[in-house]
């Protein structure tokens, strides 16, 4: 029989909503099916996906709360009389952030309604390649068929279930942003950048925060180990700054169990691999940030032949976002080999709808995607890391320009700028095309966003040197990178 919808999107996050709304612009009959499975601790939220509810939006707002705390300290140097000590109230911040997120949930529902996109608050699974069986929370079943289906269910945080008590007593970022009361003294095991971001704003609002790292920080970002005591890894600079401002780090350690004490505090036991010792401490909250798993368990993908990566569980797609089943597509974090970033999911979703219904042939370009880690001192980057550039083009064909700098805002307040650093990775050829830019400092996201356009357009180092900086800004320092330069320096390569 005739399919009920031209397009059915499973997943109401950034990529899925963008695809659905774009398809509706072409007059197609579109539906979105979305359901939030509560976290193991019972946290749930509304329409909008990870970014809106438990990711970018609440994270950036709480990061801002911490930055305001730092600004209050600086303000005294600028003549502001502020009574000490300054106290932060978690419940006030949390209510404001959560209310804003709820307004976004409502806004997405209104937008779908305005664009005549049908919204089903149901958990979906494939019955056959064109049919989805939806179940409400109450168990009511609805059958939906569609000519084209897009999977955009994203991922959810993993739990280290091999650690005794981890699932029973721990939370993840899915829970942290929806806490009504302060998490208090917090422990976080770190494998994902969200751990550093959360630890940064928790420390910034005055909470005792400990981060445990088994190996290097920010795996996948720039990890070159220079053979000079003054030139350090970009990622290490981020954690060094955090450490200097009060975040505690347990390095080369791994947790073995979590126990609940009579006081209701949580006792974490870990092993120190350097010392070979077993250590313990008690905390009010234990948060895991050990990775994310694709949310595919209930989709019944095997029954319809949608192929996934057996190691990651992510859906394998081609350049057009198509899966192994021609009319079934996937976008966003659920897809193998794609950046786990909201803007890429949105762009990919829109382009997919345009190809399906708008006679377009444009594919998503995943090269030179800018991103930022919102740690207290932000780390923004676009393009290749140094080790990736050396591996791809050969060490002899790479030149690196780099410099430390001091933001003007730091001077009067006498803030330490030791970790404010930038470097640019260029091809060694005559034109010196810029392959990557890495920046640690205030407002790194804003700085990198501007330079990302130039790098996307193939900007070269000589062109950058002709660019006039805006004085006195941190971004201006990038236009002065002719001051220091390195060529052909050996580096520890960790992958391309």
Protein backbone atom coordinates (compact mmCIF):
# COMPACT_ATOMS: atom_id res chain seq x y z
CA UNK A 1 0.00 0.00 0.00
CA UNK A 2 0.86 3.67 -0.13
CA UNK A 3 3.35 4.86 2.49
CA UNK A 4 1.87 7.14 5.12
CA UNK A 5 4.74 9.67 5.06
CA UNK A 6 7.29 10.85 2.54
CA UNK A 7 9.86 11.09 5.34
CA UNK A 8 9.98 9.68 8.84
CA UNK A 9 12.76 10.81 11.18
CA UNK A 10 13.57 8.66 14.21
CA UNK A 11 15.15 10.94 16.78
CA UNK A 12 14.26 14.50 17.75
CA UNK A 13 17.75 15.89 18.19
CA UNK A 14 19.60 18.56 16.23
CA UNK A 15 20.17 16.56 13.04
CA UNK A 16 16.78 14.87 12.97
CA UNK A 17 14.79 18.04 13.56
CA UNK A 18 16.80 19.97 10.97
CA UNK A 19 16.18 17.26 8.38
CA UNK A 20 12.46 17.05 9.16
CA UNK A 21 11.85 20.81 9.07
CA UNK A 22 13.84 21.21 5.85
CA UNK A 23 11.88 18.40 4.17
CA UNK A 24 8.61 20.03 5.22
CA UNK A 25 9.70 23.21 3.40
CA UNK A 26 9.33 21.27 0.16
CA UNK A 27 5.70 20.45 0.92
CA UNK A 28 6.38 16.84 1.87
CA UNK A 29 4.48 14.87 4.47
CA UNK A 30 6.93 14.47 7.35
CA UNK A 31 6.87 12.90 10.80
CA UNK A 32 9.31 12.85 13.72
CA UNK A 33 9.34 10.06 16.26
CA UNK A 34 11.23 10.81 19.48
CA UNK A 35 11.39 9.22 22.90
CA UNK A 36 13.80 9.84 25.79
CA UNK A 37 14.62 6.73 27.76
CA UNK A 38 15.25 7.88 31.36
CA UNK A 39 18.85 7.60 32.55
CA UNK A 40 19.69 4.84 35.06
CA UNK A 41 19.17 7.50 37.73
CA UNK A 42 15.75 8.41 36.33
CA UNK A 43 16.58 11.70 34.59
CA UNK A 44 14.50 12.52 31.51
CA UNK A 45 13.85 15.57 29.35
CA UNK A 46 11.92 16.90 26.37
CA UNK A 47 12.26 17.29 22.61
CA UNK A 48 15.56 18.60 21.23
CA UNK A 49 18.16 15.89 21.76
CA UNK A 50 21.47 15.89 23.60
CA UNK A 51 22.62 19.39 22.65
CA UNK A 52 19.55 21.18 23.92
CA UNK A 53 18.90 19.12 27.04
CA UNK A 54 22.11 17.57 28.36
CA UNK A 55 24.89 18.95 26.18
CA UNK A 56 25.96 22.19 24.53
CA UNK A 57 23.25 24.50 25.87
CA UNK A 58 23.26 23.75 29.62
CA UNK A 59 27.02 23.16 29.52
CA UNK A 60 27.75 26.59 28.01
CA UNK A 61 25.37 28.31 30.42
CA UNK A 62 27.02 26.70 33.45
CA UNK A 63 30.43 27.49 31.95
CA UNK A 64 29.24 31.11 31.79
CA UNK A 65 28.25 30.94 35.46
CA UNK A 66 31.81 29.94 36.34
CA UNK A 67 33.29 32.69 34.14
CA UNK A 68 31.15 35.24 35.98
CA UNK A 69 32.63 33.95 39.23
CA UNK A 70 36.13 34.58 37.88
CA UNK A 71 35.05 38.02 36.68
CA UNK A 72 33.88 38.88 40.21
CA UNK A 73 37.38 38.17 41.48
CA UNK A 74 38.93 40.28 38.72
CA UNK A 75 36.44 43.10 39.29
CA UNK A 76 38.12 44.18 42.53
CA UNK A 77 41.27 45.07 40.58
CA UNK A 78 39.16 47.30 38.35
CA UNK A 79 37.67 49.26 41.24
CA UNK A 80 34.50 47.33 41.98
CA UNK A 81 33.76 46.91 45.70
CA UNK A 82 32.40 43.38 46.09
CA UNK A 83 31.70 41.91 49.51
CA UNK A 84 33.70 38.78 50.26
CA UNK A 85 33.31 35.89 50.35
CA UNK A 86 31.21 35.53 47.20
CA UNK A 87 28.77 32.61 47.39
CA UNK A 88 27.18 30.67 44.54
CA UNK A 89 23.73 29.05 44.87
CA UNK A 90 23.40 25.99 42.64
CA UNK A 91 19.60 25.79 42.83
CA UNK A 92 19.18 29.32 41.44
CA UNK A 93 21.50 28.62 38.50
CA UNK A 94 20.00 25.19 37.85
CA UNK A 95 16.43 26.47 37.82
CA UNK A 96 17.30 29.25 35.37
CA UNK A 97 19.19 26.90 33.04
CA UNK A 98 16.53 24.19 33.21
CA UNK A 99 13.72 26.68 32.55
CA UNK A 100 15.54 27.92 29.47
CA UNK A 101 16.02 24.37 28.23
CA UNK A 102 12.30 23.68 28.74
CA UNK A 103 11.50 26.77 26.67
CA UNK A 104 13.61 25.30 23.86
CA UNK A 105 11.74 21.98 24.17
CA UNK A 106 8.46 23.85 23.72
CA UNK A 107 9.89 25.92 20.88
CA UNK A 108 10.82 22.80 18.92
CA UNK A 109 7.30 21.41 19.32
CA UNK A 110 5.80 24.67 18.11
CA UNK A 111 8.14 24.78 15.09
CA UNK A 112 7.17 21.25 14.09
CA UNK A 113 3.51 22.13 14.39
CA UNK A 114 3.97 25.34 12.36
CA UNK A 115 5.69 23.39 9.60
CA UNK A 116 2.99 20.69 9.72
CA UNK A 117 5.45 18.00 10.84
CA UNK A 118 3.72 15.26 12.84
CA UNK A 119 5.37 14.59 16.21
CA UNK A 120 5.11 11.18 17.86
CA UNK A 121 6.42 10.90 21.43
CA UNK A 122 7.19 7.21 20.99
CA UNK A 123 10.02 4.72 21.02
CA UNK A 124 10.44 3.27 17.53
CA UNK A 125 11.70 0.02 16.06
CA UNK A 126 11.72 -1.37 12.53
CA UNK A 127 9.09 -3.96 11.63
CA UNK A 128 10.21 -4.01 8.01
CA UNK A 129 12.32 -1.62 5.87
CA UNK A 130 9.40 0.78 5.40
CA UNK A 131 7.52 0.30 8.66
CA UNK A 132 8.20 1.59 12.16
CA UNK A 133 6.40 0.30 15.23
CA UNK A 134 6.05 3.07 17.80
CA UNK A 135 5.36 2.50 21.48
CA UNK A 136 4.26 5.17 23.96
CA UNK A 137 5.34 5.19 27.59
CA UNK A 138 1.99 3.58 28.42
CA UNK A 139 2.57 0.81 25.87
CA UNK A 140 0.17 2.04 23.19
CA UNK A 141 1.27 0.96 19.72
CA UNK A 142 1.24 3.02 16.53
CA UNK A 143 2.37 1.78 13.10
CA UNK A 144 4.01 4.35 10.81
CA UNK A 145 5.17 3.75 7.26
CA UNK A 146 7.35 6.02 5.15
CA UNK A 147 9.01 6.11 1.76
CA UNK A 148 12.24 7.45 3.32
CA UNK A 149 13.46 6.95 6.88
CA UNK A 150 16.22 8.89 8.65
CA UNK A 151 17.82 7.55 11.83
CA UNK A 152 19.07 10.33 14.10
CA UNK A 153 18.92 8.86 17.59
CA UNK A 154 22.37 10.04 18.69
CA UNK A 155 24.17 8.50 21.64
CA UNK A 156 23.97 8.17 25.42
CA UNK A 157 26.75 8.15 28.03
CA UNK A 158 28.33 4.81 28.89
CA UNK A 159 28.71 3.44 32.38
CA UNK A 160 31.89 1.56 33.40
CA UNK A 161 29.86 -1.45 34.50
CA UNK A 162 33.02 -3.42 35.28
CA UNK A 163 33.53 -1.13 38.29
CA UNK A 164 31.54 -2.30 41.32
CA UNK A 165 28.92 0.28 42.30
CA UNK A 166 29.42 2.44 39.21
CA UNK A 167 25.92 2.03 37.84
CA UNK A 168 24.24 1.93 41.23
CA UNK A 169 25.77 5.10 42.65
CA UNK A 170 27.18 7.10 39.74
CA UNK A 171 25.65 9.69 37.45
CA UNK A 172 26.61 10.98 33.98
CA UNK A 173 26.26 14.31 32.20
CA UNK A 174 22.68 13.20 31.43
CA UNK A 175 21.98 13.76 35.13
CA UNK A 176 24.32 16.57 36.18
CA UNK A 177 22.55 19.33 34.25
CA UNK A 178 19.17 18.40 35.77
CA UNK A 179 20.23 18.23 39.44
CA UNK A 180 18.08 20.43 41.64
CA UNK A 181 20.68 20.64 44.41
CA UNK A 182 24.43 21.12 44.31
CA UNK A 183 26.48 17.98 43.52
CA UNK A 184 28.91 19.01 46.28
CA UNK A 185 32.33 17.41 46.33
CA UNK A 186 32.51 15.67 42.95
CA UNK A 187 34.62 12.88 41.45
CA UNK A 188 34.76 12.32 37.70
CA UNK A 189 36.62 9.71 35.71
CA UNK A 190 37.72 11.33 32.48
CA UNK A 191 37.89 9.91 28.98
CA UNK A 192 35.69 12.53 27.27
CA UNK A 193 36.08 16.31 27.03
CA UNK A 194 32.73 16.80 28.79
CA UNK A 195 34.43 15.66 32.00
CA UNK A 196 36.92 18.52 31.84
CA UNK A 197 34.20 20.99 30.89
CA UNK A 198 32.01 19.93 33.81
CA UNK A 199 34.97 19.84 36.21
CA UNK A 200 35.91 23.32 35.05
CA UNK A 201 32.58 24.94 35.82
CA UNK A 202 32.13 22.96 39.04
CA UNK A 203 35.49 24.26 40.27
CA UNK A 204 34.60 27.72 38.99
CA UNK A 205 31.46 27.93 41.12
CA UNK A 206 33.43 26.86 44.18
CA UNK A 207 32.95 23.08 44.42
CA UNK A 208 35.69 20.63 45.39
CA UNK A 209 36.26 18.70 42.15
CA UNK A 210 38.56 15.79 41.32
CA UNK A 211 39.23 14.38 37.86
CA UNK A 212 40.84 10.97 37.33
CA UNK A 213 42.85 10.44 34.14
CA UNK A 214 44.29 7.12 33.03
CA UNK A 215 46.36 8.59 30.20
CA UNK A 216 46.50 11.76 28.10
CA UNK A 217 43.84 14.48 28.22
CA UNK A 218 41.55 15.30 25.28
CA UNK A 219 42.45 12.28 23.18
CA UNK A 220 41.87 13.08 19.51
CA UNK A 221 42.78 16.74 19.81
CA UNK A 222 46.33 18.05 19.39
CA UNK A 223 48.68 15.72 21.27
CA UNK A 224 52.16 16.51 19.97
CA UNK A 225 54.91 16.08 22.53
CA UNK A 226 57.58 18.67 21.80
CA UNK A 227 61.20 18.09 22.69
CA UNK A 228 61.46 21.47 24.40
CA UNK A 229 60.55 22.32 28.00
CA UNK A 230 58.79 25.53 26.93
CA UNK A 231 56.57 23.98 24.24
CA UNK A 232 53.91 21.71 25.66
CA UNK A 233 50.98 19.81 24.38
CA UNK A 234 47.92 21.91 23.74
CA UNK A 235 45.76 19.54 25.72
CA UNK A 236 48.17 19.49 28.66
CA UNK A 237 48.01 23.27 28.82
CA UNK A 238 44.25 23.03 29.31
CA UNK A 239 44.58 20.68 32.29
CA UNK A 240 47.53 22.61 33.73
CA UNK A 241 45.43 25.75 33.80
CA UNK A 242 42.56 23.91 35.46
CA UNK A 243 44.92 22.47 38.05
CA UNK A 244 46.34 25.91 38.84
CA UNK A 245 42.81 27.18 39.47
CA UNK A 246 41.83 24.43 41.86
CA UNK A 247 40.68 21.31 39.97
CA UNK A 248 42.40 18.25 41.41
CA UNK A 249 43.79 15.64 39.02
CA UNK A 250 44.59 12.01 39.81
CA UNK A 251 46.89 11.02 36.96
CA UNK A 252 47.64 7.48 35.81
CA UNK A 253 44.98 6.12 38.13
CA UNK A 254 41.88 4.01 37.55
CA UNK A 255 38.88 3.38 39.83
CA UNK A 256 38.06 -0.12 41.06
CA UNK A 257 34.87 0.34 43.10
CA UNK A 258 32.33 2.77 44.51
CA UNK A 259 30.68 2.15 47.88
CA UNK A 260 27.98 4.04 49.77
CA UNK A 261 28.92 4.95 53.32
CA UNK A 262 26.55 5.27 56.30
CA UNK A 263 26.84 9.04 55.89
CA UNK A 264 25.40 8.62 52.36
CA UNK A 265 28.68 9.82 50.88
CA UNK A 266 30.30 7.75 48.15
CA UNK A 267 33.69 6.19 48.75
CA UNK A 268 35.77 5.69 45.61
CA UNK A 269 38.66 3.23 45.59
CA UNK A 270 41.32 3.47 42.89
CA UNK A 271 44.73 2.16 41.96
CA UNK A 272 47.70 4.39 41.29
CA UNK A 273 49.65 2.73 38.47
CA UNK A 274 52.81 4.77 39.10
CA UNK A 275 53.03 3.96 42.81
CA UNK A 276 51.31 0.58 42.69
CA UNK A 277 49.13 1.63 45.62
CA UNK A 278 45.41 1.50 46.39
CA UNK A 279 43.82 4.73 47.58
CA UNK A 280 40.37 5.96 48.65
CA UNK A 281 38.44 9.16 49.20
CA UNK A 282 34.79 10.04 49.76
CA UNK A 283 32.61 12.28 47.60
CA UNK A 284 29.07 13.59 47.41
CA UNK A 285 28.75 12.84 43.69
CA UNK A 286 30.49 10.43 41.31
CA UNK A 287 30.15 11.32 37.62
CA UNK A 288 31.27 9.10 34.76
CA UNK A 289 32.49 10.53 31.45
CA UNK A 290 33.95 7.43 29.83
CA UNK A 291 32.43 7.70 26.36
CA UNK A 292 29.11 7.53 24.56
CA UNK A 293 27.32 4.62 22.94
CA UNK A 294 25.00 4.90 19.91
CA UNK A 295 21.34 4.67 20.88
CA UNK A 296 20.38 1.78 18.60
CA UNK A 297 19.38 -1.05 20.94
CA UNK A 298 15.63 -0.84 20.35
CA UNK A 299 15.73 0.00 16.63
CA UNK A 300 15.89 -3.63 15.40
CA UNK A 301 18.38 -2.65 12.69
CA UNK A 302 19.53 -6.21 12.03
CA UNK A 303 16.05 -7.26 10.94
CA UNK A 304 16.04 -4.77 8.06
CA UNK A 305 19.70 -5.11 7.07
CA UNK A 306 21.12 -1.78 8.26
CA UNK A 307 24.83 -2.41 8.79
CA UNK A 308 26.72 -1.13 11.82
CA UNK A 309 30.35 -1.13 12.92
CA UNK A 310 30.66 -4.16 15.18
CA UNK A 311 33.19 -2.37 17.43
CA UNK A 312 31.48 0.99 17.87
CA UNK A 313 27.86 0.06 17.17
CA UNK A 314 27.52 3.11 14.95
CA UNK A 315 25.68 3.01 11.64
CA UNK A 316 27.81 2.82 8.51
CA UNK A 317 26.86 5.46 5.94
CA UNK A 318 28.23 6.65 2.61
CA UNK A 319 28.96 10.22 1.52
CA UNK A 320 25.22 10.84 0.99
CA UNK A 321 24.36 9.64 4.54
CA UNK A 322 22.74 6.49 3.06
CA UNK A 323 22.94 3.24 5.02
CA UNK A 324 23.23 -0.24 3.51
CA UNK A 325 19.46 -0.04 2.85
CA UNK A 326 18.98 2.53 0.02
CA UNK A 327 15.97 4.44 1.39
CA UNK A 328 17.17 4.41 5.02
CA UNK A 329 19.59 7.19 6.02
CA UNK A 330 21.40 8.25 9.19
CA UNK A 331 22.82 11.57 10.39
CA UNK A 332 24.60 12.90 13.46
CA UNK A 333 26.35 11.12 16.32
CA UNK A 334 24.80 7.78 15.38
CA UNK A 335 26.93 7.58 12.21
CA UNK A 336 30.36 6.05 11.90
CA UNK A 337 33.28 8.39 11.23
CA UNK A 338 31.37 11.64 11.64
CA UNK A 339 32.18 14.42 14.14
CA UNK A 340 29.97 14.26 17.21
CA UNK A 341 28.99 17.91 16.87
CA UNK A 342 25.60 19.63 16.69
CA UNK A 343 26.38 21.96 13.75
CA UNK A 344 27.57 19.10 11.53
CA UNK A 345 24.43 17.09 12.31
CA UNK A 346 22.22 20.08 11.48
CA UNK A 347 24.03 20.78 8.22
CA UNK A 348 24.01 17.10 7.22
CA UNK A 349 20.30 16.81 8.00
CA UNK A 350 19.38 19.86 5.93
CA UNK A 351 21.50 18.78 2.97
CA UNK A 352 20.01 15.29 3.08
CA UNK A 353 16.46 16.71 2.90
CA UNK A 354 17.49 18.95 0.01
CA UNK A 355 18.90 15.97 -1.91
CA UNK A 356 15.81 13.87 -1.25
CA UNK A 357 13.18 16.48 -2.08
CA UNK A 358 14.83 19.61 -3.48
CA UNK A 359 16.71 18.32 -6.53
CA UNK A 360 20.05 19.12 -4.91
CA UNK A 361 23.21 17.03 -5.22
CA UNK A 362 25.30 18.84 -2.60
CA UNK A 363 27.01 16.55 -0.08
CA UNK A 364 28.09 17.42 3.43
CA UNK A 365 31.74 18.50 3.67
CA UNK A 366 33.24 17.23 6.91
CA UNK A 367 36.69 18.80 6.40
CA UNK A 368 37.86 21.75 8.49
CA UNK A 369 35.04 21.64 11.01
CA UNK A 370 35.77 24.03 13.90
CA UNK A 371 35.12 23.06 17.50
CA UNK A 372 35.85 24.26 21.03
CA UNK A 373 36.24 22.66 24.43
CA UNK A 374 34.60 24.96 26.97
CA UNK A 375 37.07 24.50 29.79
CA UNK A 376 37.81 27.53 32.04
CA UNK A 377 40.51 28.53 29.58
CA UNK A 378 38.86 27.51 26.31
CA UNK A 379 40.55 25.42 23.62
CA UNK A 380 39.35 26.00 20.07
CA UNK A 381 40.66 24.37 16.93
CA UNK A 382 39.93 23.92 13.24
CA UNK A 383 41.62 21.65 10.73
CA UNK A 384 44.42 19.18 11.37
CA UNK A 385 46.41 18.66 14.53
CA UNK A 386 50.17 18.86 14.11
CA UNK A 387 50.75 15.13 14.35
CA UNK A 388 47.96 14.42 11.84
CA UNK A 389 49.45 16.95 9.40
CA UNK A 390 52.91 15.41 9.72
CA UNK A 391 51.55 11.94 9.18
CA UNK A 392 49.46 12.98 6.18
CA UNK A 393 52.00 15.22 4.43
CA UNK A 394 55.36 14.20 5.93
CA UNK A 395 57.30 16.07 8.61
CA UNK A 396 59.56 17.77 6.07
CA UNK A 397 56.52 19.35 4.38
CA UNK A 398 55.07 20.95 7.50
CA UNK A 399 55.82 24.28 9.14
CA UNK A 400 54.41 25.35 12.47
CA UNK A 401 54.05 28.91 13.74
CA UNK A 402 53.36 29.30 17.43
CA UNK A 403 53.41 31.78 20.29
CA UNK A 404 52.45 32.35 23.90
CA UNK A 405 50.57 35.57 24.56
CA UNK A 406 48.94 37.50 27.41
CA UNK A 407 45.35 38.75 27.05
CA UNK A 408 45.05 42.41 27.97
CA UNK A 409 42.20 41.54 30.35
CA UNK A 410 44.63 39.46 32.41
CA UNK A 411 47.09 42.30 33.08
CA UNK A 412 45.28 44.56 35.56
CA UNK A 413 43.81 41.56 37.39
CA UNK A 414 47.30 39.99 37.52
CA UNK A 415 45.99 36.69 36.20
CA UNK A 416 48.42 34.00 35.14
CA UNK A 417 48.61 33.67 31.34
CA UNK A 418 51.16 30.84 31.25
CA UNK A 419 48.82 28.56 29.30
CA UNK A 420 47.55 31.10 26.75
CA UNK A 421 49.04 29.68 23.58
CA UNK A 422 48.37 29.30 19.87
CA UNK A 423 49.87 27.50 16.94
CA UNK A 424 49.22 27.28 13.25
CA UNK A 425 50.05 24.23 11.15
CA UNK A 426 50.93 25.01 7.53
CA UNK A 427 52.12 23.19 4.44
CA UNK A 428 55.77 23.91 3.79
CA UNK A 429 55.18 24.69 0.12
CA UNK A 430 55.48 28.22 -1.25
CA UNK A 431 51.83 29.17 -0.67
CA UNK A 432 51.88 27.69 2.84
CA UNK A 433 48.22 26.73 2.98
CA UNK A 434 46.94 26.65 6.55
CA UNK A 435 46.09 23.08 7.59
CA UNK A 436 45.14 23.67 11.20
CA UNK A 437 44.79 26.37 13.82
CA UNK A 438 44.82 25.75 17.57
CA UNK A 439 44.07 28.41 20.15
CA UNK A 440 43.94 28.35 23.95
CA UNK A 441 42.55 31.43 25.61
CA UNK A 442 39.47 33.49 26.49
CA UNK A 443 36.60 33.22 24.01
CA UNK A 444 38.44 30.63 21.93
CA UNK A 445 35.17 29.56 20.31
CA UNK A 446 34.49 33.06 19.02
CA UNK A 447 38.07 33.44 17.78
CA UNK A 448 38.18 30.10 15.95
CA UNK A 449 34.76 30.62 14.36
CA UNK A 450 36.07 33.67 12.51
CA UNK A 451 39.28 32.08 11.31
CA UNK A 452 37.43 28.89 10.31
CA UNK A 453 35.93 30.67 7.32
CA UNK A 454 39.36 31.62 6.00
CA UNK A 455 40.75 28.13 6.47
CA UNK A 456 37.67 26.64 4.81
CA UNK A 457 38.34 28.90 1.85
CA UNK A 458 41.97 27.74 1.59
CA UNK A 459 43.66 30.63 3.39
CA UNK A 460 47.46 30.75 3.31
CA UNK A 461 50.00 31.98 5.80
CA UNK A 462 51.04 34.99 3.63
CA UNK A 463 47.37 36.02 3.38
CA UNK A 464 47.06 35.85 7.16
CA UNK A 465 50.10 38.07 7.56
CA UNK A 466 48.37 40.68 5.39
CA UNK A 467 45.28 40.56 7.60
CA UNK A 468 45.06 43.52 9.94
CA UNK A 469 44.31 42.56 13.52
CA UNK A 470 41.71 44.23 15.71
CA UNK A 471 43.62 45.86 18.55
CA UNK A 472 43.76 44.99 21.38
CA UNK A 473 42.18 41.51 21.13
CA UNK A 474 43.36 37.96 21.70
CA UNK A 475 42.45 37.08 18.10
CA UNK A 476 44.84 39.78 16.91
CA UNK A 477 47.74 37.71 18.24
CA UNK A 478 47.12 35.12 15.50
CA UNK A 479 47.94 37.74 12.87
CA UNK A 480 51.36 38.21 14.50
CA UNK A 481 52.48 34.60 14.20
CA UNK A 482 55.43 35.56 12.02
CA UNK A 483 57.32 36.11 15.29
CA UNK A 484 58.07 32.45 15.99
CA UNK A 485 58.31 29.50 13.64
CA UNK A 486 59.37 25.86 13.65
CA UNK A 487 60.13 23.57 10.72
CA UNK A 488 60.75 19.83 10.53
CA UNK A 489 60.64 19.23 14.28
CA UNK A 490 60.21 15.58 15.20
CA UNK A 491 56.92 14.75 16.84
CA UNK A 492 55.32 11.73 18.42
CA UNK A 493 52.67 10.66 15.90
CA UNK A 494 49.51 9.17 17.39
CA UNK A 495 47.39 8.94 14.26
CA UNK A 496 46.03 10.77 11.21
